[in-house]
Amino acid sequence: MQPPLTIYWGKPISLVVSPEGDVKNFSTIEQVHYWLRKKWPVADTAQDHAIECIEAAMDCLGSVGDARSAFLGAAGTAGFVPCEPAARALAA
């Protein structure tokens, strides 16, 4: 049995996902797809657009750059804040 195919996502995206400051790192497009489908806190047009872009990239019909951009847009409307792990470590 072969492991599932993973699509190169580039540099991981880190989001603050709770008021307590919990951070989730998204290192594969499959993780992003799962979160948008199963764990996303709001259903809105930004989420729909991000899912469309993610699925297009997964099917090699769209760019990963467009998918990343749409995901970050959806993250913003869901109330998540992008974070850089290195900057977070310096602030601590």
N, C-alpha and C. Protein backbone atom coordinates (compact mmCIF):
# COMPACT_ATOMS: atom_id res chain seq x y z
N MET A 1 0.85 -1.18 0.00
CA MET A 1 0.00 0.00 0.00
C MET A 1 0.89 1.24 0.00
N GLN A 2 0.64 2.16 -0.93
CA GLN A 2 1.42 3.38 -1.02
C GLN A 2 0.85 4.45 -0.10
N PRO A 3 1.74 5.28 0.47
CA PRO A 3 1.23 6.40 1.27
C PRO A 3 0.50 7.38 0.37
N PRO A 4 -0.45 8.15 0.92
CA PRO A 4 -1.18 9.10 0.10
C PRO A 4 -0.24 10.17 -0.46
N LEU A 5 -0.54 10.65 -1.65
CA LEU A 5 0.23 11.69 -2.28
C LEU A 5 0.05 12.99 -1.51
N THR A 6 1.14 13.69 -1.27
CA THR A 6 1.04 15.01 -0.67
C THR A 6 1.60 16.03 -1.66
N ILE A 7 0.98 17.18 -1.71
CA ILE A 7 1.37 18.23 -2.64
C ILE A 7 2.21 19.25 -1.88
N TYR A 8 3.35 19.61 -2.46
CA TYR A 8 4.23 20.59 -1.83
C TYR A 8 3.46 21.89 -1.62
N TRP A 9 3.45 22.34 -0.41
CA TRP A 9 2.68 23.50 0.02
C TRP A 9 3.57 24.72 0.19
N GLY A 10 4.89 24.51 0.16
CA GLY A 10 5.81 25.61 0.42
C GLY A 10 6.03 25.77 1.91
N LYS A 11 6.47 26.94 2.30
CA LYS A 11 6.72 27.23 3.71
C LYS A 11 5.42 27.05 4.50
N PRO A 12 5.48 26.34 5.63
CA PRO A 12 4.25 26.15 6.41
C PRO A 12 3.61 27.49 6.81
N ILE A 13 2.30 27.47 6.88
CA ILE A 13 1.54 28.64 7.35
C ILE A 13 1.14 28.37 8.79
N SER A 14 1.42 29.33 9.66
CA SER A 14 1.08 29.20 11.08
C SER A 14 -0.01 30.22 11.41
N LEU A 15 -1.06 29.73 12.07
CA LEU A 15 -2.17 30.59 12.47
C LEU A 15 -2.42 30.46 13.97
N VAL A 16 -2.72 31.59 14.60
CA VAL A 16 -3.18 31.57 15.98
C VAL A 16 -4.66 31.18 15.90
N VAL A 17 -5.02 30.05 16.53
CA VAL A 17 -6.36 29.49 16.36
C VAL A 17 -7.23 29.54 17.61
N SER A 18 -6.74 30.18 18.66
CA SER A 18 -7.56 30.29 19.86
C SER A 18 -7.23 31.58 20.60
N PRO A 19 -8.15 32.05 21.42
CA PRO A 19 -7.86 33.24 22.23
C PRO A 19 -6.69 33.04 23.20
N GLU A 20 -6.40 31.78 23.53
CA GLU A 20 -5.29 31.49 24.43
C GLU A 20 -3.94 31.54 23.71
N GLY A 21 -3.96 31.72 22.40
CA GLY A 21 -2.72 31.82 21.64
C GLY A 21 -2.23 30.52 21.05
N ASP A 22 -3.08 29.48 21.03
CA ASP A 22 -2.68 28.21 20.42
C ASP A 22 -2.38 28.42 18.94
N VAL A 23 -1.31 27.81 18.48
CA VAL A 23 -0.88 27.95 17.08
C VAL A 23 -1.00 26.61 16.37
N LYS A 24 -1.53 26.66 15.15
CA LYS A 24 -1.62 25.48 14.30
C LYS A 24 -0.75 25.74 13.07
N ASN A 25 0.15 24.79 12.78
CA ASN A 25 1.00 24.89 11.61
C ASN A 25 0.40 24.03 10.49
N PHE A 26 0.25 24.62 9.33
CA PHE A 26 -0.27 23.91 8.17
C PHE A 26 0.88 23.70 7.20
N SER A 27 1.34 22.46 7.10
CA SER A 27 2.50 22.18 6.27
C SER A 27 2.16 21.44 4.98
N THR A 28 0.92 20.98 4.84
CA THR A 28 0.51 20.33 3.59
C THR A 28 -0.85 20.87 3.15
N ILE A 29 -1.08 20.79 1.87
CA ILE A 29 -2.35 21.24 1.32
C ILE A 29 -3.49 20.35 1.81
N GLU A 30 -3.16 19.08 2.10
CA GLU A 30 -4.17 18.16 2.61
C GLU A 30 -4.66 18.57 4.00
N GLN A 31 -3.75 19.07 4.84
CA GLN A 31 -4.14 19.57 6.16
C GLN A 31 -5.10 20.75 6.03
N VAL A 32 -4.76 21.65 5.13
CA VAL A 32 -5.60 22.83 4.90
C VAL A 32 -6.98 22.41 4.42
N HIS A 33 -7.01 21.48 3.50
CA HIS A 33 -8.28 21.00 2.96
C HIS A 33 -9.14 20.39 4.08
N TYR A 34 -8.53 19.56 4.91
CA TYR A 34 -9.25 18.95 6.03
C TYR A 34 -9.81 20.02 6.97
N TRP A 35 -8.98 20.98 7.35
CA TRP A 35 -9.44 22.03 8.27
C TRP A 35 -10.58 22.84 7.66
N LEU A 36 -10.45 23.21 6.39
CA LEU A 36 -11.51 23.99 5.76
C LEU A 36 -12.82 23.20 5.70
N ARG A 37 -12.74 21.92 5.50
CA ARG A 37 -13.94 21.08 5.38
C ARG A 37 -14.52 20.67 6.73
N LYS A 38 -13.67 20.35 7.71
CA LYS A 38 -14.14 19.72 8.95
C LYS A 38 -14.01 20.56 10.21
N LYS A 39 -13.08 21.49 10.26
CA LYS A 39 -12.82 22.19 11.52
C LYS A 39 -13.00 23.70 11.43
N TRP A 40 -13.44 24.20 10.30
CA TRP A 40 -13.53 25.65 10.12
C TRP A 40 -14.68 26.21 10.94
N PRO A 41 -14.45 27.30 11.67
CA PRO A 41 -15.48 27.81 12.59
C PRO A 41 -16.61 28.59 11.93
N VAL A 42 -16.43 29.04 10.69
CA VAL A 42 -17.47 29.81 10.01
C VAL A 42 -17.66 29.28 8.60
N ALA A 43 -18.88 29.37 8.12
CA ALA A 43 -19.17 29.03 6.73
C ALA A 43 -19.49 30.34 6.02
N ASP A 44 -18.61 30.74 5.12
CA ASP A 44 -18.82 31.98 4.39
C ASP A 44 -18.25 31.85 2.98
N THR A 45 -18.37 32.91 2.20
CA THR A 45 -17.88 32.84 0.82
C THR A 45 -16.36 32.70 0.75
N ALA A 46 -15.65 33.25 1.73
CA ALA A 46 -14.19 33.11 1.75
C ALA A 46 -13.80 31.64 1.93
N GLN A 47 -14.52 30.94 2.79
CA GLN A 47 -14.25 29.51 2.98
C GLN A 47 -14.55 28.75 1.68
N ASP A 48 -15.69 29.04 1.06
CA ASP A 48 -16.05 28.38 -0.20
C ASP A 48 -14.99 28.61 -1.27
N HIS A 49 -14.55 29.86 -1.38
CA HIS A 49 -13.53 30.21 -2.38
C HIS A 49 -12.22 29.47 -2.08
N ALA A 50 -11.83 29.43 -0.81
CA ALA A 50 -10.59 28.74 -0.44
C ALA A 50 -10.68 27.25 -0.77
N ILE A 51 -11.80 26.64 -0.47
CA ILE A 51 -11.97 25.20 -0.80
C ILE A 51 -11.84 24.99 -2.31
N GLU A 52 -12.48 25.85 -3.10
CA GLU A 52 -12.39 25.73 -4.56
C GLU A 52 -10.93 25.84 -5.03
N CYS A 53 -10.20 26.81 -4.49
CA CYS A 53 -8.80 27.01 -4.89
C CYS A 53 -7.92 25.85 -4.44
N ILE A 54 -8.16 25.36 -3.22
CA ILE A 54 -7.38 24.24 -2.69
C ILE A 54 -7.62 23.00 -3.56
N GLU A 55 -8.89 22.72 -3.85
CA GLU A 55 -9.20 21.53 -4.66
C GLU A 55 -8.66 21.66 -6.08
N ALA A 56 -8.67 22.87 -6.64
CA ALA A 56 -8.10 23.08 -7.97
C ALA A 56 -6.59 22.80 -7.94
N ALA A 57 -5.91 23.27 -6.90
CA ALA A 57 -4.47 23.01 -6.78
C ALA A 57 -4.20 21.53 -6.58
N MET A 58 -5.04 20.86 -5.79
CA MET A 58 -4.86 19.43 -5.56
C MET A 58 -5.05 18.63 -6.85
N ASP A 59 -5.89 19.13 -7.74
CA ASP A 59 -6.14 18.47 -9.02
C ASP A 59 -5.21 18.99 -10.12
N CYS A 60 -4.23 19.84 -9.73
CA CYS A 60 -3.27 20.44 -10.67
C CYS A 60 -3.97 21.31 -11.71
N LEU A 61 -5.07 21.91 -11.35
CA LEU A 61 -5.81 22.81 -12.24
C LEU A 61 -5.69 24.26 -11.80
N GLY A 62 -5.06 24.48 -10.67
CA GLY A 62 -4.86 25.82 -10.14
C GLY A 62 -3.50 25.87 -9.47
N SER A 63 -3.07 27.08 -9.14
CA SER A 63 -1.75 27.21 -8.54
C SER A 63 -1.81 27.10 -7.02
N VAL A 64 -0.72 26.61 -6.45
CA VAL A 64 -0.61 26.54 -5.00
C VAL A 64 -0.58 27.95 -4.42
N GLY A 65 0.02 28.88 -5.14
CA GLY A 65 0.05 30.27 -4.67
C GLY A 65 -1.36 30.84 -4.52
N ASP A 66 -2.22 30.58 -5.49
CA ASP A 66 -3.61 31.05 -5.38
C ASP A 66 -4.32 30.36 -4.22
N ALA A 67 -4.04 29.08 -4.02
CA ALA A 67 -4.65 28.33 -2.92
C ALA A 67 -4.21 28.89 -1.58
N ARG A 68 -2.92 29.17 -1.43
CA ARG A 68 -2.40 29.74 -0.18
C ARG A 68 -3.05 31.09 0.11
N SER A 69 -3.15 31.91 -0.93
CA SER A 69 -3.74 33.23 -0.77
C SER A 69 -5.21 33.14 -0.35
N ALA A 70 -5.95 32.25 -0.99
CA ALA A 70 -7.36 32.06 -0.64
C ALA A 70 -7.51 31.52 0.78
N PHE A 71 -6.62 30.61 1.17
CA PHE A 71 -6.65 30.07 2.53
C PHE A 71 -6.40 31.18 3.56
N LEU A 72 -5.42 32.03 3.31
CA LEU A 72 -5.14 33.13 4.24
C LEU A 72 -6.31 34.11 4.30
N GLY A 73 -6.97 34.33 3.16
CA GLY A 73 -8.16 35.19 3.15
C GLY A 73 -9.27 34.60 4.00
N ALA A 74 -9.50 33.30 3.85
CA ALA A 74 -10.53 32.63 4.65
C ALA A 74 -10.15 32.64 6.13
N ALA A 75 -8.87 32.48 6.42
CA ALA A 75 -8.41 32.51 7.81
C ALA A 75 -8.72 33.86 8.44
N GLY A 76 -8.53 34.92 7.68
CA GLY A 76 -8.83 36.26 8.19
C GLY A 76 -10.30 36.45 8.51
N THR A 77 -11.19 35.97 7.63
CA THR A 77 -12.62 36.14 7.89
C THR A 77 -13.10 35.23 9.02
N ALA A 78 -12.34 34.15 9.28
CA ALA A 78 -12.69 33.24 10.38
C ALA A 78 -12.13 33.73 11.72
N GLY A 79 -11.34 34.80 11.70
CA GLY A 79 -10.80 35.35 12.94
C GLY A 79 -9.44 34.82 13.33
N PHE A 80 -8.83 34.01 12.46
CA PHE A 80 -7.49 33.49 12.75
C PHE A 80 -6.45 34.56 12.37
N VAL A 81 -5.36 34.57 13.10
CA VAL A 81 -4.29 35.54 12.86
C VAL A 81 -3.04 34.79 12.41
N PRO A 82 -2.46 35.20 11.27
CA PRO A 82 -1.19 34.58 10.86
C PRO A 82 -0.12 34.87 11.89
N CYS A 83 0.78 33.94 12.07
CA CYS A 83 1.87 34.16 13.01
C CYS A 83 3.14 33.55 12.47
N GLU A 84 4.22 34.18 12.77
CA GLU A 84 5.54 33.67 12.41
C GLU A 84 6.13 33.05 13.67
N PRO A 85 6.42 31.74 13.66
CA PRO A 85 6.95 31.08 14.86
C PRO A 85 8.20 31.75 15.42
N ALA A 86 9.09 32.23 14.55
CA ALA A 86 10.32 32.86 15.04
C ALA A 86 10.00 34.16 15.79
N ALA A 87 9.09 34.95 15.27
CA ALA A 87 8.71 36.19 15.93
C ALA A 87 8.03 35.89 17.27
N ARG A 88 7.23 34.85 17.30
CA ARG A 88 6.54 34.46 18.53
C ARG A 88 7.54 34.03 19.61
N ALA A 89 8.59 33.31 19.22
CA ALA A 89 9.60 32.86 20.17
C ALA A 89 10.37 34.06 20.73
N LEU A 90 10.64 35.06 19.90
CA LEU A 90 11.36 36.24 20.37
C LEU A 90 10.52 37.05 21.35
N ALA A 91 9.21 37.05 21.16
CA ALA A 91 8.33 37.82 22.03
C ALA A 91 8.17 37.17 23.39
N ALA A 92 8.43 35.89 23.51
CA ALA A 92 8.22 35.16 24.76
C ALA A 92 9.29 35.43 25.77
